[in-house]
Amino acid sequence: MATYPIPVFHYKVSWNNQDIGFSDVSGLTQEIQPIEYRDGLMAGTTVSLKRPGLKKVNNVSLKRGVTQGNNELFNWFNNNGSPGVERRDVTITLLNDAGEPVMVWVALQAWPIKCEGPTLNATGNDIAIESVELAHEGLTLTAV
């Protein structure tokens, strides 16, 4: 059986046990901030020791085409008029050719911090795209 890289175009996004169609997902980035240390007994003028520090995650951005009568992202952004914020675990699943999960990212306790409507242009013929940016409390990754 040949091993080959998985293409990026076959994926699904879901929350609350519901698959939501998005044309673009970005921000699945994690990094560990290094802590640099040098004490007075170390020779030279450069930082000599580096230790792992806090983990940092980027916001996740989701984009999709605007459809008539679907205002769910904007309603979530506005909390449906109630105070507080509704948090959701957002699952992004990369699928193989057979539609089976290969990698699964989960943005834990995510909530929208930015909701952007389409760029309108009287001379254009592009699809109207809306986007939402999600802050979250951590990103898990599972290779299946």
Protein backbone atom coordinates (compact mmCIF):
# COMPACT_ATOMS: atom_id res chain seq x y z
CA MET A 1 0.00 0.00 0.00
CA ALA A 2 1.49 3.34 -1.07
CA THR A 3 1.79 6.19 1.40
CA TYR A 4 1.06 9.63 0.02
CA PRO A 5 0.28 13.08 1.46
CA ILE A 6 -3.38 13.87 2.09
CA PRO A 7 -4.84 16.75 0.01
CA VAL A 8 -6.19 19.78 1.89
CA PHE A 9 -9.54 20.10 0.11
CA HIS A 10 -11.44 17.23 1.78
CA TYR A 11 -12.40 18.22 5.33
CA LYS A 12 -15.37 19.01 7.53
CA VAL A 13 -16.05 21.45 10.36
CA SER A 14 -18.57 20.65 13.07
CA TRP A 15 -19.93 21.88 16.37
CA ASN A 16 -22.86 20.79 18.51
CA ASN A 17 -22.86 17.46 16.57
CA GLN A 18 -23.67 19.33 13.35
CA ASP A 19 -21.45 19.52 10.24
CA ILE A 20 -21.10 23.08 8.92
CA GLY A 21 -19.74 23.73 5.42
CA PHE A 22 -16.77 26.13 5.16
CA SER A 23 -14.62 26.87 2.12
CA ASP A 24 -11.52 27.88 4.08
CA VAL A 25 -10.07 27.07 7.50
CA SER A 26 -6.89 28.69 8.80
CA GLY A 27 -5.10 29.35 12.09
CA LEU A 28 -4.50 25.76 13.22
CA THR A 29 -1.20 26.92 14.68
CA GLN A 30 0.40 26.20 18.04
CA GLU A 31 3.76 27.35 19.35
CA ILE A 32 5.71 27.26 22.56
CA GLN A 33 7.30 30.53 23.60
CA PRO A 34 10.92 30.02 24.66
CA ILE A 35 12.22 31.37 27.95
CA GLU A 36 15.76 32.67 27.57
CA TYR A 37 18.05 32.72 30.59
CA ARG A 38 21.59 33.77 31.33
CA ASP A 39 23.14 34.02 34.76
CA GLY A 40 26.12 36.17 35.68
CA LEU A 41 28.59 33.28 35.82
CA MET A 42 28.13 32.32 32.16
CA ALA A 43 30.86 33.32 29.76
CA GLY A 44 30.11 35.41 26.70
CA THR A 45 27.43 37.93 25.93
CA THR A 46 24.73 35.70 24.44
CA VAL A 47 21.77 33.99 26.05
CA SER A 48 22.95 30.51 26.90
CA LEU A 49 19.91 28.63 28.18
CA LYS A 50 16.51 28.21 26.59
CA ARG A 51 13.60 26.45 28.24
CA PRO A 52 10.06 25.82 27.03
CA GLY A 53 7.59 28.42 28.24
CA LEU A 54 3.88 28.97 27.75
CA LYS A 55 2.01 27.40 24.84
CA LYS A 56 0.40 29.90 22.49
CA VAL A 57 -2.42 29.19 20.02
CA ASN A 58 -3.67 31.35 17.16
CA ASN A 59 -7.27 32.26 16.52
CA VAL A 60 -9.05 30.01 14.02
CA SER A 61 -10.60 31.66 10.96
CA LEU A 62 -13.47 30.08 9.04
CA LYS A 63 -14.86 31.30 5.69
CA ARG A 64 -17.92 30.24 3.75
CA GLY A 65 -20.27 31.40 1.04
CA VAL A 66 -23.25 33.51 2.07
CA THR A 67 -26.59 31.72 1.66
CA GLN A 68 -30.05 33.21 1.86
CA GLY A 69 -31.72 32.98 5.25
CA ASN A 70 -28.63 31.70 7.09
CA ASN A 71 -27.53 34.15 9.78
CA GLU A 72 -26.16 31.62 12.29
CA LEU A 73 -22.60 33.00 12.52
CA PHE A 74 -23.79 36.56 13.14
CA ASN A 75 -26.31 35.33 15.74
CA TRP A 76 -23.58 33.39 17.53
CA PHE A 77 -21.35 36.47 17.43
CA ASN A 78 -24.16 38.56 19.00
CA ASN A 79 -25.02 35.78 21.49
CA ASN A 80 -28.59 35.81 20.19
CA GLY A 81 -29.13 39.00 22.20
CA SER A 82 -28.25 37.48 25.59
CA PRO A 83 -25.38 38.55 27.87
CA GLY A 84 -22.27 36.39 28.18
CA VAL A 85 -20.72 34.28 25.48
CA GLU A 86 -21.73 30.89 24.11
CA ARG A 87 -18.68 28.66 23.84
CA ARG A 88 -18.50 25.68 21.51
CA ASP A 89 -15.94 22.97 20.87
CA VAL A 90 -15.21 23.30 17.14
CA THR A 91 -13.92 20.16 15.40
CA ILE A 92 -11.99 20.32 12.11
CA THR A 93 -11.49 16.90 10.52
CA LEU A 94 -9.17 16.22 7.58
CA LEU A 95 -10.59 13.34 5.51
CA ASN A 96 -8.96 10.82 3.18
CA ASP A 97 -10.28 9.79 -0.25
CA ALA A 98 -12.77 7.40 1.35
CA GLY A 99 -14.17 10.16 3.62
CA GLU A 100 -12.55 8.70 6.75
CA PRO A 101 -10.84 10.93 9.36
CA VAL A 102 -7.06 11.25 9.09
CA MET A 103 -6.38 14.16 11.47
CA VAL A 104 -8.75 15.87 13.91
CA TRP A 105 -8.22 19.29 15.45
CA VAL A 106 -10.52 20.50 18.23
CA ALA A 107 -10.59 24.18 19.21
CA LEU A 108 -11.74 23.98 22.81
CA GLN A 109 -14.31 26.39 24.24
CA ALA A 110 -14.28 28.58 21.11
CA TRP A 111 -16.29 31.76 20.68
CA PRO A 112 -16.44 34.34 17.88
CA ILE A 113 -14.42 37.52 18.29
CA LYS A 114 -14.84 38.83 14.75
CA CYS A 115 -17.59 38.37 12.18
CA GLU A 116 -16.99 39.80 8.71
CA GLY A 117 -19.43 40.12 5.85
CA PRO A 118 -18.53 39.92 2.16
CA THR A 119 -16.71 42.60 0.20
CA LEU A 120 -19.31 44.00 -2.17
CA ASN A 121 -18.33 45.20 -5.65
CA ALA A 122 -20.80 46.35 -8.32
CA THR A 123 -18.47 45.21 -11.13
CA GLY A 124 -17.47 41.88 -9.58
CA ASN A 125 -18.83 38.39 -10.13
CA ASP A 126 -17.27 36.61 -7.14
CA ILE A 127 -19.16 34.58 -4.56
CA ALA A 128 -20.18 36.51 -1.42
CA ILE A 129 -17.96 35.15 1.39
CA GLU A 130 -18.51 35.65 5.12
CA SER A 131 -15.91 34.86 7.76
CA VAL A 132 -15.72 34.36 11.48
CA GLU A 133 -12.64 34.44 13.70
CA LEU A 134 -12.72 32.26 16.79
CA ALA A 135 -10.73 32.64 19.98
CA HIS A 136 -10.35 29.43 21.95
CA GLU A 137 -8.72 27.96 25.04
CA GLY A 138 -6.53 25.37 23.38
CA LEU A 139 -6.12 23.21 20.34
CA THR A 140 -5.91 19.43 20.44
CA LEU A 141 -4.67 17.33 17.54
CA THR A 142 -5.34 13.65 17.02
CA ALA A 143 -3.90 11.62 14.17
CA VAL A 144 -6.26 8.77 13.35
